PDB file of all heavy atoms in Angstrom:
ATOM      1  N   ALA A   1       2.254 -15.266  10.070  1.00  0.00           N
ATOM      2  CA  ALA A   1       2.418 -15.452   8.633  1.00  0.00           C
ATOM      3  C   ALA A   1       1.919 -16.832   8.248  1.00  0.00           C
ATOM      4  O   ALA A   1       1.880 -17.761   9.064  1.00  0.00           O
ATOM      5  CB  ALA A   1       3.883 -15.302   8.215  1.00  0.00           C
ATOM      6  N   ILE A   2       1.513 -16.973   7.000  1.00  0.00           N
ATOM      7  CA  ILE A   2       1.083 -18.268   6.483  1.00  0.00           C
ATOM      8  C   ILE A   2       2.287 -19.195   6.409  1.00  0.00           C
ATOM      9  O   ILE A   2       3.326 -18.836   5.874  1.00  0.00           O
ATOM     10  CB  ILE A   2       0.448 -18.111   5.085  1.00  0.00           C
ATOM     11  CG1 ILE A   2      -0.821 -17.263   5.180  1.00  0.00           C
ATOM     12  CG2 ILE A   2       0.129 -19.463   4.481  1.00  0.00           C
ATOM     13  CD1 ILE A   2      -1.409 -16.905   3.830  1.00  0.00           C
ATOM     14  N   ASN A   3       2.164 -20.377   6.951  1.00  0.00           N
ATOM     15  CA  ASN A   3       3.254 -21.345   6.950  1.00  0.00           C
ATOM     16  C   ASN A   3       2.764 -22.645   6.331  1.00  0.00           C
ATOM     17  O   ASN A   3       2.067 -23.432   6.977  1.00  0.00           O
ATOM     18  CB  ASN A   3       3.754 -21.579   8.375  1.00  0.00           C
ATOM     19  CG  ASN A   3       4.978 -22.478   8.420  1.00  0.00           C
ATOM     20  OD1 ASN A   3       5.496 -22.873   7.373  1.00  0.00           O
ATOM     21  ND2 ASN A   3       5.431 -22.807   9.605  1.00  0.00           N
ATOM     22  N   VAL A   4       3.121 -22.865   5.067  1.00  0.00           N
ATOM     23  CA  VAL A   4       2.704 -24.085   4.373  1.00  0.00           C
ATOM     24  C   VAL A   4       3.335 -25.314   4.993  1.00  0.00           C
ATOM     25  O   VAL A   4       2.789 -26.411   4.931  1.00  0.00           O
ATOM     26  CB  VAL A   4       3.056 -23.976   2.871  1.00  0.00           C
ATOM     27  CG1 VAL A   4       2.723 -25.243   2.134  1.00  0.00           C
ATOM     28  CG2 VAL A   4       2.308 -22.808   2.249  1.00  0.00           C
ATOM     29  N   GLU A   5       4.511 -25.133   5.620  1.00  0.00           N
ATOM     30  CA  GLU A   5       5.200 -26.251   6.238  1.00  0.00           C
ATOM     31  C   GLU A   5       4.692 -26.542   7.647  1.00  0.00           C
ATOM     32  O   GLU A   5       5.213 -27.413   8.327  1.00  0.00           O
ATOM     33  CB  GLU A   5       6.702 -25.962   6.263  1.00  0.00           C
ATOM     34  CG  GLU A   5       7.289 -25.849   4.848  1.00  0.00           C
ATOM     35  CD  GLU A   5       8.757 -25.497   4.848  1.00  0.00           C
ATOM     36  OE1 GLU A   5       9.248 -25.092   5.926  1.00  0.00           O
ATOM     37  OE2 GLU A   5       9.398 -25.619   3.801  1.00  0.00           O
ATOM     38  N   ASP A   6       3.669 -25.800   8.082  1.00  0.00           N
ATOM     39  CA  ASP A   6       3.039 -26.078   9.358  1.00  0.00           C
ATOM     40  C   ASP A   6       2.332 -27.433   9.288  1.00  0.00           C
ATOM     41  O   ASP A   6       1.792 -27.824   8.246  1.00  0.00           O
ATOM     42  CB  ASP A   6       2.036 -24.973   9.700  1.00  0.00           C
ATOM     43  CG  ASP A   6       1.372 -25.205  11.039  1.00  0.00           C
ATOM     44  OD1 ASP A   6       2.038 -25.023  12.061  1.00  0.00           O
ATOM     45  OD2 ASP A   6       0.186 -25.593  11.044  1.00  0.00           O
ATOM     46  N   LEU A   7       2.320 -28.162  10.393  1.00  0.00           N
ATOM     47  CA  LEU A   7       1.763 -29.514  10.399  1.00  0.00           C
ATOM     48  C   LEU A   7       0.296 -29.526  10.011  1.00  0.00           C
ATOM     49  O   LEU A   7      -0.160 -30.407   9.283  1.00  0.00           O
ATOM     50  CB  LEU A   7       1.954 -30.149  11.785  1.00  0.00           C
ATOM     51  CG  LEU A   7       1.466 -31.599  11.935  1.00  0.00           C
ATOM     52  CD1 LEU A   7       2.202 -32.513  10.970  1.00  0.00           C
ATOM     53  CD2 LEU A   7       1.645 -32.072  13.379  1.00  0.00           C
ATOM     54  N   THR A   8      -0.454 -28.513  10.462  1.00  0.00           N
ATOM     55  CA  THR A   8      -1.885 -28.459  10.137  1.00  0.00           C
ATOM     56  C   THR A   8      -2.101 -28.306   8.644  1.00  0.00           C
ATOM     57  O   THR A   8      -2.948 -28.976   8.048  1.00  0.00           O
ATOM     58  CB  THR A   8      -2.548 -27.294  10.878  1.00  0.00           C
ATOM     59  OG1 THR A   8      -2.301 -27.404  12.278  1.00  0.00           O
ATOM     60  CG2 THR A   8      -4.047 -27.290  10.637  1.00  0.00           C
ATOM     61  N   VAL A   9      -1.321 -27.414   8.010  1.00  0.00           N
ATOM     62  CA  VAL A   9      -1.450 -27.209   6.566  1.00  0.00           C
ATOM     63  C   VAL A   9      -0.990 -28.443   5.819  1.00  0.00           C
ATOM     64  O   VAL A   9      -1.593 -28.855   4.820  1.00  0.00           O
ATOM     65  CB  VAL A   9      -0.652 -25.961   6.135  1.00  0.00           C
ATOM     66  CG1 VAL A   9      -0.781 -25.741   4.635  1.00  0.00           C
ATOM     67  CG2 VAL A   9      -1.127 -24.739   6.894  1.00  0.00           C
ATOM     68  N   LYS A  10       0.103 -29.070   6.271  1.00  0.00           N
ATOM     69  CA  LYS A  10       0.595 -30.282   5.613  1.00  0.00           C
ATOM     70  C   LYS A  10      -0.458 -31.393   5.641  1.00  0.00           C
ATOM     71  O   LYS A  10      -0.685 -32.077   4.643  1.00  0.00           O
ATOM     72  CB  LYS A  10       1.876 -30.757   6.294  1.00  0.00           C
ATOM     73  CG  LYS A  10       3.128 -30.011   5.869  1.00  0.00           C
ATOM     74  CD  LYS A  10       4.360 -30.659   6.474  1.00  0.00           C
ATOM     75  CE  LYS A  10       5.630 -29.994   5.964  1.00  0.00           C
ATOM     76  NZ  LYS A  10       6.850 -30.623   6.540  1.00  0.00           N
ATOM     77  N   ASN A  11      -1.092 -31.569   6.794  1.00  0.00           N
ATOM     78  CA  ASN A  11      -2.121 -32.602   6.901  1.00  0.00           C
ATOM     79  C   ASN A  11      -3.292 -32.317   5.971  1.00  0.00           C
ATOM     80  O   ASN A  11      -3.850 -33.224   5.347  1.00  0.00           O
ATOM     81  CB  ASN A  11      -2.609 -32.708   8.349  1.00  0.00           C
ATOM     82  CG  ASN A  11      -1.547 -33.273   9.274  1.00  0.00           C
ATOM     83  OD1 ASN A  11      -0.632 -33.962   8.829  1.00  0.00           O
ATOM     84  ND2 ASN A  11      -1.667 -32.983  10.559  1.00  0.00           N
ATOM     85  N   PHE A  12      -3.666 -31.040   5.869  1.00  0.00           N
ATOM     86  CA  PHE A  12      -4.775 -30.683   4.975  1.00  0.00           C
ATOM     87  C   PHE A  12      -4.420 -30.990   3.527  1.00  0.00           C
ATOM     88  O   PHE A  12      -5.234 -31.535   2.771  1.00  0.00           O
ATOM     89  CB  PHE A  12      -5.116 -29.201   5.135  1.00  0.00           C
ATOM     90  CG  PHE A  12      -6.155 -28.706   4.161  1.00  0.00           C
ATOM     91  CD1 PHE A  12      -7.496 -28.970   4.370  1.00  0.00           C
ATOM     92  CD2 PHE A  12      -5.785 -27.986   3.036  1.00  0.00           C
ATOM     93  CE1 PHE A  12      -8.462 -28.518   3.471  1.00  0.00           C
ATOM     94  CE2 PHE A  12      -6.736 -27.532   2.137  1.00  0.00           C
ATOM     95  CZ  PHE A  12      -8.072 -27.799   2.353  1.00  0.00           C
ATOM     96  N   LEU A  13      -3.195 -30.659   3.104  1.00  0.00           N
ATOM     97  CA  LEU A  13      -2.784 -30.924   1.730  1.00  0.00           C
ATOM     98  C   LEU A  13      -2.699 -32.425   1.469  1.00  0.00           C
ATOM     99  O   LEU A  13      -3.063 -32.893   0.382  1.00  0.00           O
ATOM    100  CB  LEU A  13      -1.435 -30.265   1.452  1.00  0.00           C
ATOM    101  CG  LEU A  13      -1.417 -28.723   1.451  1.00  0.00           C
ATOM    102  CD1 LEU A  13       0.009 -28.208   1.301  1.00  0.00           C
ATOM    103  CD2 LEU A  13      -2.295 -28.168   0.336  1.00  0.00           C
ATOM    104  N   CYS A  14      -2.212 -33.180   2.449  1.00  0.00           N
ATOM    105  CA  CYS A  14      -2.136 -34.643   2.277  1.00  0.00           C
ATOM    106  C   CYS A  14      -3.516 -35.254   2.145  1.00  0.00           C
ATOM    107  O   CYS A  14      -3.754 -36.124   1.302  1.00  0.00           O
ATOM    108  CB  CYS A  14      -1.381 -35.266   3.453  1.00  0.00           C
ATOM    109  SG  CYS A  14       0.385 -34.898   3.487  1.00  0.00           S
ATOM    110  N   GLU A  15      -4.447 -34.813   2.973  1.00  0.00           N
ATOM    111  CA  GLU A  15      -5.809 -35.333   2.893  1.00  0.00           C
ATOM    112  C   GLU A  15      -6.482 -34.943   1.584  1.00  0.00           C
ATOM    113  O   GLU A  15      -7.320 -35.679   1.058  1.00  0.00           O
ATOM    114  CB  GLU A  15      -6.635 -34.818   4.080  1.00  0.00           C
ATOM    115  CG  GLU A  15      -6.176 -35.362   5.430  1.00  0.00           C
ATOM    116  CD  GLU A  15      -6.917 -34.718   6.592  1.00  0.00           C
ATOM    117  OE1 GLU A  15      -7.754 -33.826   6.317  1.00  0.00           O
ATOM    118  OE2 GLU A  15      -6.656 -35.092   7.745  1.00  0.00           O
ATOM    119  N   SER A  16      -6.109 -33.789   1.038  1.00  0.00           N
ATOM    120  CA  SER A  16      -6.687 -33.348  -0.226  1.00  0.00           C
ATOM    121  C   SER A  16      -6.014 -33.992  -1.427  1.00  0.00           C
ATOM    122  O   SER A  16      -6.526 -33.894  -2.550  1.00  0.00           O
ATOM    123  CB  SER A  16      -6.567 -31.814  -0.353  1.00  0.00           C
ATOM    124  OG  SER A  16      -7.203 -31.166   0.730  1.00  0.00           O
ATOM    125  N   GLY A  17      -4.869 -34.640  -1.225  1.00  0.00           N
ATOM    126  CA  GLY A  17      -4.154 -35.248  -2.336  1.00  0.00           C
ATOM    127  C   GLY A  17      -3.471 -34.235  -3.228  1.00  0.00           C
ATOM    128  O   GLY A  17      -3.256 -34.493  -4.416  1.00  0.00           O
ATOM    129  N   SER A  18      -3.106 -33.074  -2.672  1.00  0.00           N
ATOM    130  CA  SER A  18      -2.477 -32.004  -3.443  1.00  0.00           C
ATOM    131  C   SER A  18      -0.985 -31.943  -3.140  1.00  0.00           C
ATOM    132  O   SER A  18      -0.525 -32.345  -2.067  1.00  0.00           O
ATOM    133  CB  SER A  18      -3.125 -30.646  -3.127  1.00  0.00           C
ATOM    134  OG  SER A  18      -4.508 -30.675  -3.393  1.00  0.00           O
ATOM    135  N   VAL A  19      -0.242 -31.418  -4.108  1.00  0.00           N
ATOM    136  CA  VAL A  19       1.202 -31.249  -3.982  1.00  0.00           C
ATOM    137  C   VAL A  19       1.520 -29.758  -4.036  1.00  0.00           C
ATOM    138  O   VAL A  19       0.957 -29.030  -4.868  1.00  0.00           O
ATOM    139  CB  VAL A  19       1.953 -31.987  -5.108  1.00  0.00           C
ATOM    140  CG1 VAL A  19       3.455 -31.739  -5.005  1.00  0.00           C
ATOM    141  CG2 VAL A  19       1.657 -33.475  -5.065  1.00  0.00           C
ATOM    142  N   TRP A  20       2.408 -29.304  -3.150  1.00  0.00           N
ATOM    143  CA  TRP A  20       2.818 -27.904  -3.127  1.00  0.00           C
ATOM    144  C   TRP A  20       4.260 -27.818  -3.598  1.00  0.00           C
ATOM    145  O   TRP A  20       5.142 -28.487  -3.054  1.00  0.00           O
ATOM    146  CB  TRP A  20       2.693 -27.331  -1.714  1.00  0.00           C
ATOM    147  CG  TRP A  20       2.769 -25.826  -1.687  1.00  0.00           C
ATOM    148  CD1 TRP A  20       3.863 -25.054  -1.911  1.00  0.00           C
ATOM    149  CD2 TRP A  20       1.686 -24.918  -1.439  1.00  0.00           C
ATOM    150  NE1 TRP A  20       3.548 -23.722  -1.819  1.00  0.00           N
ATOM    151  CE2 TRP A  20       2.213 -23.614  -1.534  1.00  0.00           C
ATOM    152  CE3 TRP A  20       0.336 -25.089  -1.149  1.00  0.00           C
ATOM    153  CZ2 TRP A  20       1.447 -22.477  -1.337  1.00  0.00           C
ATOM    154  CZ3 TRP A  20      -0.430 -23.963  -0.960  1.00  0.00           C
ATOM    155  CH2 TRP A  20       0.110 -22.677  -1.048  1.00  0.00           C
ATOM    156  N   LYS A  21       4.510 -26.972  -4.593  1.00  0.00           N
ATOM    157  CA  LYS A  21       5.852 -26.794  -5.142  1.00  0.00           C
ATOM    158  C   LYS A  21       6.278 -25.334  -4.965  1.00  0.00           C
ATOM    159  O   LYS A  21       5.530 -24.422  -5.307  1.00  0.00           O
ATOM    160  CB  LYS A  21       5.891 -27.173  -6.624  1.00  0.00           C
ATOM    161  CG  LYS A  21       5.617 -28.652  -6.883  1.00  0.00           C
ATOM    162  CD  LYS A  21       5.755 -28.986  -8.360  1.00  0.00           C
ATOM    163  CE  LYS A  21       5.510 -30.472  -8.612  1.00  0.00           C
ATOM    164  NZ  LYS A  21       5.659 -30.817 -10.053  1.00  0.00           N
ATOM    165  N   PHE A  22       7.494 -25.150  -4.439  1.00  0.00           N
ATOM    166  CA  PHE A  22       8.056 -23.824  -4.242  1.00  0.00           C
ATOM    167  C   PHE A  22       9.018 -23.485  -5.367  1.00  0.00           C
ATOM    168  O   PHE A  22       9.749 -24.353  -5.858  1.00  0.00           O
ATOM    169  CB  PHE A  22       8.819 -23.748  -2.919  1.00  0.00           C
ATOM    170  CG  PHE A  22       7.944 -23.715  -1.703  1.00  0.00           C
ATOM    171  CD1 PHE A  22       7.940 -24.762  -0.797  1.00  0.00           C
ATOM    172  CD2 PHE A  22       7.128 -22.624  -1.447  1.00  0.00           C
ATOM    173  CE1 PHE A  22       7.148 -24.722   0.334  1.00  0.00           C
ATOM    174  CE2 PHE A  22       6.325 -22.574  -0.318  1.00  0.00           C
ATOM    175  CZ  PHE A  22       6.333 -23.627   0.567  1.00  0.00           C
ATOM    176  N   ASN A  23       9.039 -22.219  -5.767  1.00  0.00           N
ATOM    177  CA  ASN A  23      10.095 -21.713  -6.625  1.00  0.00           C
ATOM    178  C   ASN A  23      11.318 -21.398  -5.769  1.00  0.00           C
ATOM    179  O   ASN A  23      11.188 -21.132  -4.571  1.00  0.00           O
ATOM    180  CB  ASN A  23       9.644 -20.451  -7.355  1.00  0.00           C
ATOM    181  CG  ASN A  23       8.606 -20.748  -8.423  1.00  0.00           C
ATOM    182  OD1 ASN A  23       8.555 -21.850  -8.968  1.00  0.00           O
ATOM    183  ND2 ASN A  23       7.779 -19.762  -8.727  1.00  0.00           N
ATOM    184  N   PRO A  24      12.519 -21.395  -6.358  1.00  0.00           N
ATOM    185  CA  PRO A  24      13.705 -21.033  -5.576  1.00  0.00           C
ATOM    186  C   PRO A  24      13.610 -19.592  -5.087  1.00  0.00           C
ATOM    187  O   PRO A  24      12.929 -18.761  -5.692  1.00  0.00           O
ATOM    188  CB  PRO A  24      14.858 -21.193  -6.578  1.00  0.00           C
ATOM    189  CG  PRO A  24      14.323 -22.069  -7.661  1.00  0.00           C
ATOM    190  CD  PRO A  24      12.858 -21.783  -7.737  1.00  0.00           C
ATOM    191  N   PRO A  25      14.282 -19.271  -3.992  1.00  0.00           N
ATOM    192  CA  PRO A  25      14.295 -17.872  -3.523  1.00  0.00           C
ATOM    193  C   PRO A  25      14.895 -16.939  -4.575  1.00  0.00           C
ATOM    194  O   PRO A  25      15.740 -17.329  -5.365  1.00  0.00           O
ATOM    195  CB  PRO A  25      15.181 -17.933  -2.268  1.00  0.00           C
ATOM    196  CG  PRO A  25      15.146 -19.363  -1.838  1.00  0.00           C
ATOM    197  CD  PRO A  25      15.016 -20.175  -3.080  1.00  0.00           C
ATOM    198  N   HIS A  26      14.425 -15.703  -4.591  1.00  0.00           N
ATOM    199  CA  HIS A  26      14.920 -14.658  -5.500  1.00  0.00           C
ATOM    200  C   HIS A  26      14.731 -15.057  -6.963  1.00  0.00           C
ATOM    201  O   HIS A  26      15.575 -14.767  -7.808  1.00  0.00           O
ATOM    202  CB  HIS A  26      16.394 -14.352  -5.228  1.00  0.00           C
ATOM    203  CG  HIS A  26      16.650 -13.759  -3.887  1.00  0.00           C
ATOM    204  ND1 HIS A  26      16.722 -12.394  -3.674  1.00  0.00           N
ATOM    205  CD2 HIS A  26      16.833 -14.337  -2.676  1.00  0.00           C
ATOM    206  CE1 HIS A  26      16.964 -12.166  -2.388  1.00  0.00           C
ATOM    207  NE2 HIS A  26      17.019 -13.322  -1.764  1.00  0.00           N
ATOM    208  N   SER A  27      13.638 -15.745  -7.262  1.00  0.00           N
ATOM    209  CA  SER A  27      13.359 -16.132  -8.661  1.00  0.00           C
ATOM    210  C   SER A  27      11.897 -15.853  -8.980  1.00  0.00           C
ATOM    211  O   SER A  27      11.156 -16.753  -9.368  1.00  0.00           O
ATOM    212  CB  SER A  27      13.695 -17.600  -8.896  1.00  0.00           C
ATOM    213  OG  SER A  27      12.955 -18.441  -8.015  1.00  0.00           O
ATOM    214  N   SER A  28      11.500 -14.601  -8.788  1.00  0.00           N
ATOM    215  CA  SER A  28      10.100 -14.235  -9.020  1.00  0.00           C
ATOM    216  C   SER A  28       9.699 -14.420 -10.479  1.00  0.00           C
ATOM    217  O   SER A  28       8.512 -14.567 -10.782  1.00  0.00           O
ATOM    218  CB  SER A  28       9.860 -12.783  -8.591  1.00  0.00           C
ATOM    219  OG  SER A  28      10.719 -11.901  -9.298  1.00  0.00           O
ATOM    220  N   HIS A  29      10.689 -14.418 -11.416  1.00  0.00           N
ATOM    221  CA  HIS A  29      10.349 -14.606 -12.827  1.00  0.00           C
ATOM    222  C   HIS A  29       9.775 -15.988 -13.093  1.00  0.00           C
ATOM    223  O   HIS A  29       9.058 -16.186 -14.070  1.00  0.00           O
ATOM    224  CB  HIS A  29      11.592 -14.382 -13.696  1.00  0.00           C
ATOM    225  CG  HIS A  29      12.718 -15.330 -13.411  1.00  0.00           C
ATOM    226  ND1 HIS A  29      13.558 -15.175 -12.335  1.00  0.00           N
ATOM    227  CD2 HIS A  29      13.137 -16.445 -14.055  1.00  0.00           C
ATOM    228  CE1 HIS A  29      14.457 -16.145 -12.324  1.00  0.00           C
ATOM    229  NE2 HIS A  29      14.224 -16.931 -13.360  1.00  0.00           N
ATOM    230  N   MET A  30      10.076 -16.966 -12.220  1.00  0.00           N
ATOM    231  CA  MET A  30       9.520 -18.304 -12.402  1.00  0.00           C
ATOM    232  C   MET A  30       8.042 -18.362 -12.030  1.00  0.00           C
ATOM    233  O   MET A  30       7.351 -19.310 -12.387  1.00  0.00           O
ATOM    234  CB  MET A  30      10.302 -19.315 -11.558  1.00  0.00           C
ATOM    235  CG  MET A  30      11.734 -19.514 -12.007  1.00  0.00           C
ATOM    236  SD  MET A  30      12.568 -20.827 -11.084  1.00  0.00           S
ATOM    237  CE  MET A  30      14.182 -20.811 -11.861  1.00  0.00           C
ATOM    238  N   GLY A  31       7.563 -17.352 -11.314  1.00  0.00           N
ATOM    239  CA  GLY A  31       6.138 -17.262 -10.995  1.00  0.00           C
ATOM    240  C   GLY A  31       5.477 -16.136 -11.742  1.00  0.00           C
ATOM    241  O   GLY A  31       4.514 -15.533 -11.253  1.00  0.00           O
ATOM    242  N   GLY A  32       5.978 -15.833 -12.943  1.00  0.00           N
ATOM    243  CA  GLY A  32       5.457 -14.702 -13.700  1.00  0.00           C
ATOM    244  C   GLY A  32       3.997 -14.827 -14.072  1.00  0.00           C
ATOM    245  O   GLY A  32       3.314 -13.820 -14.282  1.00  0.00           O
ATOM    246  N   VAL A  33       3.491 -16.061 -14.170  1.00  0.00           N
ATOM    247  CA  VAL A  33       2.091 -16.272 -14.556  1.00  0.00           C
ATOM    248  C   VAL A  33       1.153 -15.630 -13.544  1.00  0.00           C
ATOM    249  O   VAL A  33       0.237 -14.877 -13.907  1.00  0.00           O
ATOM    250  CB  VAL A  33       1.789 -17.777 -14.691  1.00  0.00           C
ATOM    251  CG1 VAL A  33       0.316 -18.002 -14.971  1.00  0.00           C
ATOM    252  CG2 VAL A  33       2.631 -18.380 -15.816  1.00  0.00           C
ATOM    253  N   TRP A  34       1.366 -15.911 -12.256  1.00  0.00           N
ATOM    254  CA  TRP A  34       0.456 -15.327 -11.252  1.00  0.00           C
ATOM    255  C   TRP A  34       0.915 -13.943 -10.800  1.00  0.00           C
ATOM    256  O   TRP A  34       0.093 -13.138 -10.384  1.00  0.00           O
ATOM    257  CB  TRP A  34       0.304 -16.265 -10.059  1.00  0.00           C
ATOM    258  CG  TRP A  34       1.546 -16.661  -9.357  1.00  0.00           C
ATOM    259  CD1 TRP A  34       2.191 -15.987  -8.356  1.00  0.00           C
ATOM    260  CD2 TRP A  34       2.312 -17.853  -9.567  1.00  0.00           C
ATOM    261  NE1 TRP A  34       3.295 -16.667  -7.938  1.00  0.00           N
ATOM    262  CE2 TRP A  34       3.404 -17.821  -8.659  1.00  0.00           C
ATOM    263  CE3 TRP A  34       2.192 -18.944 -10.417  1.00  0.00           C
ATOM    264  CZ2 TRP A  34       4.362 -18.837  -8.587  1.00  0.00           C
ATOM    265  CZ3 TRP A  34       3.146 -19.949 -10.351  1.00  0.00           C
ATOM    266  CH2 TRP A  34       4.209 -19.899  -9.452  1.00  0.00           C
ATOM    267  N   GLU A  35       2.196 -13.648 -10.890  1.00  0.00           N
ATOM    268  CA  GLU A  35       2.648 -12.294 -10.556  1.00  0.00           C
ATOM    269  C   GLU A  35       2.059 -11.277 -11.531  1.00  0.00           C
ATOM    270  O   GLU A  35       1.722 -10.153 -11.146  1.00  0.00           O
ATOM    271  CB  GLU A  35       4.178 -12.227 -10.600  1.00  0.00           C
ATOM    272  CG  GLU A  35       4.880 -13.048  -9.534  1.00  0.00           C
ATOM    273  CD  GLU A  35       4.739 -12.465  -8.145  1.00  0.00           C
ATOM    274  OE1 GLU A  35       4.222 -11.338  -8.027  1.00  0.00           O
ATOM    275  OE2 GLU A  35       5.148 -13.133  -7.172  1.00  0.00           O
ATOM    276  N   ARG A  36       1.936 -11.661 -12.783  1.00  0.00           N
ATOM    277  CA  ARG A  36       1.328 -10.777 -13.781  1.00  0.00           C
ATOM    278  C   ARG A  36      -0.133 -10.496 -13.436  1.00  0.00           C
ATOM    279  O   ARG A  36      -0.621  -9.370 -13.572  1.00  0.00           O
ATOM    280  CB  ARG A  36       1.423 -11.436 -15.154  1.00  0.00           C
ATOM    281  CG  ARG A  36       0.709 -10.698 -16.271  1.00  0.00           C
ATOM    282  CD  ARG A  36       1.331  -9.358 -16.536  1.00  0.00           C
ATOM    283  NE  ARG A  36       0.733  -8.720 -17.695  1.00  0.00           N
ATOM    284  CZ  ARG A  36       0.950  -7.459 -18.051  1.00  0.00           C
ATOM    285  NH1 ARG A  36       1.756  -6.702 -17.335  1.00  0.00           N
ATOM    286  NH2 ARG A  36       0.368  -6.956 -19.116  1.00  0.00           N
ATOM    287  N   MET A  37      -0.859 -11.512 -12.986  1.00  0.00           N
ATOM    288  CA  MET A  37      -2.261 -11.326 -12.633  1.00  0.00           C
ATOM    289  C   MET A  37      -2.417 -10.439 -11.402  1.00  0.00           C
ATOM    290  O   MET A  37      -3.353  -9.649 -11.312  1.00  0.00           O
ATOM    291  CB  MET A  37      -2.924 -12.691 -12.379  1.00  0.00           C
ATOM    292  CG  MET A  37      -3.023 -13.575 -13.617  1.00  0.00           C
ATOM    293  SD  MET A  37      -4.029 -12.834 -14.924  1.00  0.00           S
ATOM    294  CE  MET A  37      -2.758 -12.149 -15.988  1.00  0.00           C
ATOM    295  N   ILE A  38      -1.489 -10.558 -10.454  1.00  0.00           N
ATOM    296  CA  ILE A  38      -1.542  -9.680  -9.288  1.00  0.00           C
ATOM    297  C   ILE A  38      -1.299  -8.237  -9.708  1.00  0.00           C
ATOM    298  O   ILE A  38      -1.934  -7.300  -9.202  1.00  0.00           O
ATOM    299  CB  ILE A  38      -0.519 -10.142  -8.231  1.00  0.00           C
ATOM    300  CG1 ILE A  38      -1.004 -11.442  -7.570  1.00  0.00           C
ATOM    301  CG2 ILE A  38      -0.302  -9.073  -7.172  1.00  0.00           C
ATOM    302  CD1 ILE A  38      -0.078 -11.966  -6.502  1.00  0.00           C
TER     303      ILE A  38
END
């Protein structure tokens, strides 16, 4: 499975200067923007 918290992915995001934000569990309505597109 994809693991954003994996060290390799973390290093890539740090080098890219990007921030990753998670929604709380069981709160799919908070991601309605991309869930609608899917």
